[in-house]
Amino acid sequence: MRAMEGEARQGSEERRDYLSYLLRLWRAGDGKRPTWRASLKSAHTGEQVSFANLEDLFHFLRIQTGTVPSADGDTQES
């Protein structure tokens, strides 16, 4: 996730109206408990970031879009 940390910080500081990524998803691990892995490649910069699980991917996207779940589970724009 380090490759786009600067973008993540920037995304939380300013409003973005358009984002574009190439998303790759794959399963890793044994057959009993496979885990989904993901990577995003920015169409704007070409930078790529990888995620160990889907929760990390969703967290990154929430930062990029400025949406943060509230304590009661509703999503609010920051």
PDB file of N, CA and C in Angstrom:
ATOM      1  N   MET A   1       0.824  -1.188   0.000  1.00  0.00           N
ATOM      2  CA  MET A   1       0.000   0.000   0.000  1.00  0.00           C
ATOM      3  C   MET A   1       0.866   1.250   0.000  1.00  0.00           C
ATOM      4  N   ARG A   2       2.148   1.124   0.129  1.00  0.00           N
ATOM      5  CA  ARG A   2       3.017   2.276   0.251  1.00  0.00           C
ATOM      6  C   ARG A   2       3.127   3.095  -1.039  1.00  0.00           C
ATOM      7  N   ALA A   3       2.982   2.451  -2.191  1.00  0.00           N
ATOM      8  CA  ALA A   3       3.189   3.158  -3.458  1.00  0.00           C
ATOM      9  C   ALA A   3       2.242   4.322  -3.633  1.00  0.00           C
ATOM     10  N   MET A   4       1.036   4.245  -3.071  1.00  0.00           N
ATOM     11  CA  MET A   4       0.060   5.307  -3.261  1.00  0.00           C
ATOM     12  C   MET A   4      -0.295   6.028  -1.963  1.00  0.00           C
ATOM     13  N   GLU A   5       0.542   5.897  -0.936  1.00  0.00           N
ATOM     14  CA  GLU A   5       0.224   6.578   0.315  1.00  0.00           C
ATOM     15  C   GLU A   5       0.129   8.074   0.128  1.00  0.00           C
ATOM     16  N   GLY A   6       0.993   8.646  -0.708  1.00  0.00           N
ATOM     17  CA  GLY A   6       0.923  10.078  -0.984  1.00  0.00           C
ATOM     18  C   GLY A   6      -0.400  10.451  -1.604  1.00  0.00           C
ATOM     19  N   GLU A   7      -0.878   9.612  -2.513  1.00  0.00           N
ATOM     20  CA  GLU A   7      -2.188   9.855  -3.120  1.00  0.00           C
ATOM     21  C   GLU A   7      -3.289   9.708  -2.090  1.00  0.00           C
ATOM     22  N   ALA A   8      -3.138   8.751  -1.178  1.00  0.00           N
ATOM     23  CA  ALA A   8      -4.165   8.548  -0.150  1.00  0.00           C
ATOM     24  C   ALA A   8      -4.265   9.782   0.738  1.00  0.00           C
ATOM     25  N   ARG A   9      -3.124  10.305   1.138  1.00  0.00           N
ATOM     26  CA  ARG A   9      -3.138  11.522   1.955  1.00  0.00           C
ATOM     27  C   ARG A   9      -3.731  12.679   1.172  1.00  0.00           C
ATOM     28  N   GLN A  10      -3.320  12.810  -0.074  1.00  0.00           N
ATOM     29  CA  GLN A  10      -3.844  13.880  -0.913  1.00  0.00           C
ATOM     30  C   GLN A  10      -5.347  13.721  -1.089  1.00  0.00           C
ATOM     31  N   GLY A  11      -5.816  12.478  -1.268  1.00  0.00           N
ATOM     32  CA  GLY A  11      -7.239  12.227  -1.461  1.00  0.00           C
ATOM     33  C   GLY A  11      -8.056  12.629  -0.261  1.00  0.00           C
ATOM     34  N   SER A  12      -7.489  12.507   0.932  1.00  0.00           N
ATOM     35  CA  SER A  12      -8.226  12.887   2.123  1.00  0.00           C
ATOM     36  C   SER A  12      -8.198  14.394   2.339  1.00  0.00           C
ATOM     37  N   GLU A  13      -7.272  15.092   1.677  1.00  0.00           N
ATOM     38  CA  GLU A  13      -7.139  16.530   1.864  1.00  0.00           C
ATOM     39  C   GLU A  13      -7.940  17.331   0.838  1.00  0.00           C
ATOM     40  N   GLU A  14      -8.215  16.751  -0.303  1.00  0.00           N
ATOM     41  CA  GLU A  14      -8.944  17.473  -1.328  1.00  0.00           C
ATOM     42  C   GLU A  14     -10.011  16.557  -1.917  1.00  0.00           C
ATOM     43  N   ARG A  15     -11.042  17.141  -2.447  1.00  0.00           N
ATOM     44  CA  ARG A  15     -12.123  16.366  -3.032  1.00  0.00           C
ATOM     45  C   ARG A  15     -11.740  15.915  -4.435  1.00  0.00           C
ATOM     46  N   ARG A  16     -12.014  14.663  -4.716  1.00  0.00           N
ATOM     47  CA  ARG A  16     -11.760  14.134  -6.042  1.00  0.00           C
ATOM     48  C   ARG A  16     -13.092  13.797  -6.685  1.00  0.00           C
ATOM     49  N   ASP A  17     -13.254  14.178  -7.924  1.00  0.00           N
ATOM     50  CA  ASP A  17     -14.501  13.916  -8.631  1.00  0.00           C
ATOM     51  C   ASP A  17     -14.396  12.733  -9.581  1.00  0.00           C
ATOM     52  N   TYR A  18     -13.191  12.263  -9.850  1.00  0.00           N
ATOM     53  CA  TYR A  18     -13.026  11.145 -10.755  1.00  0.00           C
ATOM     54  C   TYR A  18     -11.756  10.386 -10.412  1.00  0.00           C
ATOM     55  N   LEU A  19     -11.876   9.087 -10.252  1.00  0.00           N
ATOM     56  CA  LEU A  19     -10.731   8.213 -10.008  1.00  0.00           C
ATOM     57  C   LEU A  19     -10.830   7.041 -10.966  1.00  0.00           C
ATOM     58  N   SER A  20      -9.693   6.549 -11.427  1.00  0.00           N
ATOM     59  CA  SER A  20      -9.696   5.421 -12.342  1.00  0.00           C
ATOM     60  C   SER A  20      -8.556   4.479 -11.986  1.00  0.00           C
ATOM     61  N   TYR A  21      -8.901   3.206 -11.788  1.00  0.00           N
ATOM     62  CA  TYR A  21      -7.921   2.179 -11.436  1.00  0.00           C
ATOM     63  C   TYR A  21      -8.184   0.912 -12.228  1.00  0.00           C
ATOM     64  N   LEU A  22      -7.133   0.168 -12.480  1.00  0.00           N
ATOM     65  CA  LEU A  22      -7.255  -1.199 -12.954  1.00  0.00           C
ATOM     66  C   LEU A  22      -7.205  -2.063 -11.703  1.00  0.00           C
ATOM     67  N   LEU A  23      -8.252  -2.847 -11.471  1.00  0.00           N
ATOM     68  CA  LEU A  23      -8.357  -3.705 -10.291  1.00  0.00           C
ATOM     69  C   LEU A  23      -8.046  -5.142 -10.679  1.00  0.00           C
ATOM     70  N   ARG A  24      -7.151  -5.780  -9.912  1.00  0.00           N
ATOM     71  CA  ARG A  24      -6.869  -7.201 -10.082  1.00  0.00           C
ATOM     72  C   ARG A  24      -7.202  -7.906  -8.772  1.00  0.00           C
ATOM     73  N   LEU A  25      -7.897  -9.035  -8.863  1.00  0.00           N
ATOM     74  CA  LEU A  25      -8.263  -9.848  -7.696  1.00  0.00           C
ATOM     75  C   LEU A  25      -7.824 -11.283  -7.936  1.00  0.00           C
ATOM     76  N   TRP A  26      -7.312 -11.938  -6.878  1.00  0.00           N
ATOM     77  CA  TRP A  26      -6.961 -13.346  -6.971  1.00  0.00           C
ATOM     78  C   TRP A  26      -7.030 -13.988  -5.587  1.00  0.00           C
ATOM     79  N   ARG A  27      -7.237 -15.287  -5.570  1.00  0.00           N
ATOM     80  CA  ARG A  27      -7.290 -16.033  -4.310  1.00  0.00           C
ATOM     81  C   ARG A  27      -5.919 -16.615  -4.021  1.00  0.00           C
ATOM     82  N   ALA A  28      -5.511 -16.542  -2.765  1.00  0.00           N
ATOM     83  CA  ALA A  28      -4.227 -17.085  -2.332  1.00  0.00           C
ATOM     84  C   ALA A  28      -4.462 -17.931  -1.091  1.00  0.00           C
ATOM     85  N   GLY A  29      -3.564 -18.851  -0.847  1.00  0.00           N
ATOM     86  CA  GLY A  29      -3.670 -19.685   0.349  1.00  0.00           C
ATOM     87  C   GLY A  29      -4.167 -21.073   0.013  1.00  0.00           C
ATOM     88  N   ASP A  30      -4.332 -21.864   1.072  1.00  0.00           N
ATOM     89  CA  ASP A  30      -4.754 -23.246   0.871  1.00  0.00           C
ATOM     90  C   ASP A  30      -6.249 -23.321   0.596  1.00  0.00           C
ATOM     91  N   GLY A  31      -6.707 -24.483   0.205  1.00  0.00           N
ATOM     92  CA  GLY A  31      -8.102 -24.682  -0.152  1.00  0.00           C
ATOM     93  C   GLY A  31      -9.062 -24.532   1.004  1.00  0.00           C
ATOM     94  N   LYS A  32      -8.588 -24.686   2.233  1.00  0.00           N
ATOM     95  CA  LYS A  32      -9.472 -24.596   3.397  1.00  0.00           C
ATOM     96  C   LYS A  32      -9.845 -23.162   3.738  1.00  0.00           C
ATOM     97  N   ARG A  33      -8.887 -22.268   3.687  1.00  0.00           N
ATOM     98  CA  ARG A  33      -9.135 -20.871   4.050  1.00  0.00           C
ATOM     99  C   ARG A  33      -8.449 -19.924   3.066  1.00  0.00           C
ATOM    100  N   PRO A  34      -8.886 -19.896   1.820  1.00  0.00           N
ATOM    101  CA  PRO A  34      -8.252 -18.978   0.872  1.00  0.00           C
ATOM    102  C   PRO A  34      -8.572 -17.523   1.217  1.00  0.00           C
ATOM    103  N   THR A  35      -7.665 -16.663   0.861  1.00  0.00           N
ATOM    104  CA  THR A  35      -7.825 -15.234   1.088  1.00  0.00           C
ATOM    105  C   THR A  35      -7.790 -14.516  -0.251  1.00  0.00           C
ATOM    106  N   TRP A  36      -8.669 -13.554  -0.419  1.00  0.00           N
ATOM    107  CA  TRP A  36      -8.642 -12.730  -1.623  1.00  0.00           C
ATOM    108  C   TRP A  36      -7.564 -11.673  -1.479  1.00  0.00           C
ATOM    109  N   ARG A  37      -6.733 -11.535  -2.474  1.00  0.00           N
ATOM    110  CA  ARG A  37      -5.718 -10.486  -2.568  1.00  0.00           C
ATOM    111  C   ARG A  37      -6.160  -9.532  -3.680  1.00  0.00           C
ATOM    112  N   ALA A  38      -5.594  -8.337  -3.673  1.00  0.00           N
ATOM    113  CA  ALA A  38      -5.988  -7.353  -4.683  1.00  0.00           C
ATOM    114  C   ALA A  38      -4.823  -6.422  -4.993  1.00  0.00           C
ATOM    115  N   SER A  39      -4.890  -5.825  -6.161  1.00  0.00           N
ATOM    116  CA  SER A  39      -3.975  -4.738  -6.500  1.00  0.00           C
ATOM    117  C   SER A  39      -4.741  -3.724  -7.333  1.00  0.00           C
ATOM    118  N   LEU A  40      -4.327  -2.480  -7.193  1.00  0.00           N
ATOM    119  CA  LEU A  40      -4.876  -1.388  -7.992  1.00  0.00           C
ATOM    120  C   LEU A  40      -3.729  -0.714  -8.720  1.00  0.00           C
ATOM    121  N   LYS A  41      -3.986  -0.364  -9.967  1.00  0.00           N
ATOM    122  CA  LYS A  41      -3.022   0.421 -10.736  1.00  0.00           C
ATOM    123  C   LYS A  41      -3.723   1.691 -11.160  1.00  0.00           C
ATOM    124  N   SER A  42      -3.158   2.823 -10.791  1.00  0.00           N
ATOM    125  CA  SER A  42      -3.746   4.117 -11.123  1.00  0.00           C
ATOM    126  C   SER A  42      -3.644   4.370 -12.626  1.00  0.00           C
ATOM    127  N   ALA A  43      -4.778   4.677 -13.229  1.00  0.00           N
ATOM    128  CA  ALA A  43      -4.785   5.026 -14.652  1.00  0.00           C
ATOM    129  C   ALA A  43      -4.159   6.400 -14.883  1.00  0.00           C
ATOM    130  N   HIS A  44      -4.106   7.218 -13.838  1.00  0.00           N
ATOM    131  CA  HIS A  44      -3.566   8.576 -13.957  1.00  0.00           C
ATOM    132  C   HIS A  44      -2.050   8.609 -13.819  1.00  0.00           C
ATOM    133  N   THR A  45      -1.510   7.831 -12.881  1.00  0.00           N
ATOM    134  CA  THR A  45      -0.081   7.895 -12.591  1.00  0.00           C
ATOM    135  C   THR A  45       0.681   6.633 -12.953  1.00  0.00           C
ATOM    136  N   GLY A  46      -0.027   5.513 -13.107  1.00  0.00           N
ATOM    137  CA  GLY A  46       0.634   4.241 -13.376  1.00  0.00           C
ATOM    138  C   GLY A  46       1.149   3.553 -12.127  1.00  0.00           C
ATOM    139  N   GLU A  47       1.029   4.214 -10.985  1.00  0.00           N
ATOM    140  CA  GLU A  47       1.487   3.609  -9.736  1.00  0.00           C
ATOM    141  C   GLU A  47       0.582   2.441  -9.362  1.00  0.00           C
ATOM    142  N   GLN A  48       1.193   1.431  -8.733  1.00  0.00           N
ATOM    143  CA  GLN A  48       0.447   0.247  -8.339  1.00  0.00           C
ATOM    144  C   GLN A  48       0.575   0.036  -6.837  1.00  0.00           C
ATOM    145  N   VAL A  49      -0.498  -0.448  -6.238  1.00  0.00           N
ATOM    146  CA  VAL A  49      -0.502  -0.758  -4.820  1.00  0.00           C
ATOM    147  C   VAL A  49      -1.179  -2.116  -4.640  1.00  0.00           C
ATOM    148  N   SER A  50      -0.662  -2.925  -3.721  1.00  0.00           N
ATOM    149  CA  SER A  50      -1.194  -4.259  -3.472  1.00  0.00           C
ATOM    150  C   SER A  50      -1.823  -4.329  -2.086  1.00  0.00           C
ATOM    151  N   PHE A  51      -2.787  -5.216  -1.936  1.00  0.00           N
ATOM    152  CA  PHE A  51      -3.526  -5.361  -0.689  1.00  0.00           C
ATOM    153  C   PHE A  51      -3.555  -6.827  -0.275  1.00  0.00           C
ATOM    154  N   ALA A  52      -3.331  -7.089   1.003  1.00  0.00           N
ATOM    155  CA  ALA A  52      -3.310  -8.446   1.536  1.00  0.00           C
ATOM    156  C   ALA A  52      -4.707  -9.027   1.683  1.00  0.00           C
ATOM    157  N   ASN A  53      -5.717  -8.148   1.736  1.00  0.00           N
ATOM    158  CA  ASN A  53      -7.103  -8.611   1.887  1.00  0.00           C
ATOM    159  C   ASN A  53      -8.044  -7.539   1.367  1.00  0.00           C
ATOM    160  N   LEU A  54      -9.309  -7.902   1.231  1.00  0.00           N
ATOM    161  CA  LEU A  54     -10.287  -6.966   0.687  1.00  0.00           C
ATOM    162  C   LEU A  54     -10.571  -5.808   1.631  1.00  0.00           C
ATOM    163  N   GLU A  55     -10.476  -6.040   2.938  1.00  0.00           N
ATOM    164  CA  GLU A  55     -10.719  -4.949   3.889  1.00  0.00           C
ATOM    165  C   GLU A  55      -9.716  -3.816   3.691  1.00  0.00           C
ATOM    166  N   ASP A  56      -8.448  -4.167   3.442  1.00  0.00           N
ATOM    167  CA  ASP A  56      -7.435  -3.133   3.186  1.00  0.00           C
ATOM    168  C   ASP A  56      -7.736  -2.378   1.888  1.00  0.00           C
ATOM    169  N   LEU A  57      -8.185  -3.100   0.873  1.00  0.00           N
ATOM    170  CA  LEU A  57      -8.582  -2.461  -0.388  1.00  0.00           C
ATOM    171  C   LEU A  57      -9.711  -1.470  -0.162  1.00  0.00           C
ATOM    172  N   PHE A  58     -10.755  -1.905   0.562  1.00  0.00           N
ATOM    173  CA  PHE A  58     -11.901  -1.020   0.815  1.00  0.00           C
ATOM    174  C   PHE A  58     -11.489   0.191   1.645  1.00  0.00           C
ATOM    175  N   HIS A  59     -10.605  -0.013   2.614  1.00  0.00           N
ATOM    176  CA  HIS A  59     -10.125   1.106   3.429  1.00  0.00           C
ATOM    177  C   HIS A  59      -9.416   2.139   2.543  1.00  0.00           C
ATOM    178  N   PHE A  60      -8.562   1.668   1.651  1.00  0.00           N
ATOM    179  CA  PHE A  60      -7.861   2.560   0.731  1.00  0.00           C
ATOM    180  C   PHE A  60      -8.852   3.357  -0.123  1.00  0.00           C
ATOM    181  N   LEU A  61      -9.868   2.664  -0.654  1.00  0.00           N
ATOM    182  CA  LEU A  61     -10.854   3.339  -1.493  1.00  0.00           C
ATOM    183  C   LEU A  61     -11.675   4.355  -0.705  1.00  0.00           C
ATOM    184  N   ARG A  62     -11.972   4.048   0.558  1.00  0.00           N
ATOM    185  CA  ARG A  62     -12.679   5.026   1.396  1.00  0.00           C
ATOM    186  C   ARG A  62     -11.839   6.282   1.596  1.00  0.00           C
ATOM    187  N   ILE A  63     -10.550   6.110   1.800  1.00  0.00           N
ATOM    188  CA  ILE A  63      -9.657   7.263   1.944  1.00  0.00           C
ATOM    189  C   ILE A  63      -9.638   8.061   0.647  1.00  0.00           C
ATOM    190  N   GLN A  64      -9.501   7.376  -0.483  1.00  0.00           N
ATOM    191  CA  GLN A  64      -9.441   8.058  -1.778  1.00  0.00           C
ATOM    192  C   GLN A  64     -10.719   8.832  -2.077  1.00  0.00           C
ATOM    193  N   THR A  65     -11.864   8.304  -1.683  1.00  0.00           N
ATOM    194  CA  THR A  65     -13.139   8.952  -1.988  1.00  0.00           C
ATOM    195  C   THR A  65     -13.608   9.883  -0.889  1.00  0.00           C
ATOM    196  N   GLY A  66     -12.902   9.891   0.237  1.00  0.00           N
ATOM    197  CA  GLY A  66     -13.277  10.777   1.333  1.00  0.00           C
ATOM    198  C   GLY A  66     -14.497  10.300   2.093  1.00  0.00           C
ATOM    199  N   THR A  67     -14.813   9.010   2.009  1.00  0.00           N
ATOM    200  CA  THR A  67     -15.943   8.459   2.757  1.00  0.00           C
ATOM    201  C   THR A  67     -15.414   7.616   3.899  1.00  0.00           C
ATOM    202  N   VAL A  68     -15.997   7.822   5.063  1.00  0.00           N
ATOM    203  CA  VAL A  68     -15.554   7.110   6.253  1.00  0.00           C
ATOM    204  C   VAL A  68     -16.772   6.563   6.963  1.00  0.00           C
ATOM    205  N   PRO A  69     -16.782   5.269   7.309  1.00  0.00           N
ATOM    206  CA  PRO A  69     -17.934   4.745   8.048  1.00  0.00           C
ATOM    207  C   PRO A  69     -18.023   5.381   9.435  1.00  0.00           C
ATOM    208  N   SER A  70     -19.221   5.735   9.844  1.00  0.00           N
ATOM    209  CA  SER A  70     -19.420   6.290  11.180  1.00  0.00           C
ATOM    210  C   SER A  70     -19.551   5.159  12.190  1.00  0.00           C
ATOM    211  N   ALA A  71     -19.652   5.498  13.455  1.00  0.00           N
ATOM    212  CA  ALA A  71     -19.760   4.503  14.522  1.00  0.00           C
ATOM    213  C   ALA A  71     -21.001   3.636  14.364  1.00  0.00           C
ATOM    214  N   ASP A  72     -22.085   4.181  13.803  1.00  0.00           N
ATOM    215  CA  ASP A  72     -23.315   3.399  13.645  1.00  0.00           C
ATOM    216  C   ASP A  72     -23.376   2.641  12.319  1.00  0.00           C
ATOM    217  N   GLY A  73     -22.274   2.674  11.541  1.00  0.00           N
ATOM    218  CA  GLY A  73     -22.214   1.899  10.318  1.00  0.00           C
ATOM    219  C   GLY A  73     -22.588   2.656   9.061  1.00  0.00           C
ATOM    220  N   ASP A  74     -23.165   3.851   9.190  1.00  0.00           N
ATOM    221  CA  ASP A  74     -23.503   4.657   8.016  1.00  0.00           C
ATOM    222  C   ASP A  74     -22.225   5.232   7.424  1.00  0.00           C
ATOM    223  N   THR A  75     -22.196   5.412   6.128  1.00  0.00           N
ATOM    224  CA  THR A  75     -21.044   6.013   5.463  1.00  0.00           C
ATOM    225  C   THR A  75     -21.293   7.497   5.309  1.00  0.00           C
ATOM    226  N   GLN A  76     -20.309   8.280   5.740  1.00  0.00           N
ATOM    227  CA  GLN A  76     -20.420   9.737   5.657  1.00  0.00           C
ATOM    228  C   GLN A  76     -19.218  10.275   4.907  1.00  0.00           C
ATOM    229  N   GLU A  77     -19.424  11.301   4.119  1.00  0.00           N
ATOM    230  CA  GLU A  77     -18.305  11.944   3.462  1.00  0.00           C
ATOM    231  C   GLU A  77     -17.602  12.836   4.465  1.00  0.00           C
ATOM    232  N   SER A  78     -16.268  12.795   4.397  1.00  0.00           N
ATOM    233  CA  SER A  78     -15.490  13.637   5.311  1.00  0.00           C
ATOM    234  C   SER A  78     -15.182  14.963   4.679  1.00  0.00           C
TER     235      SER A  78
END
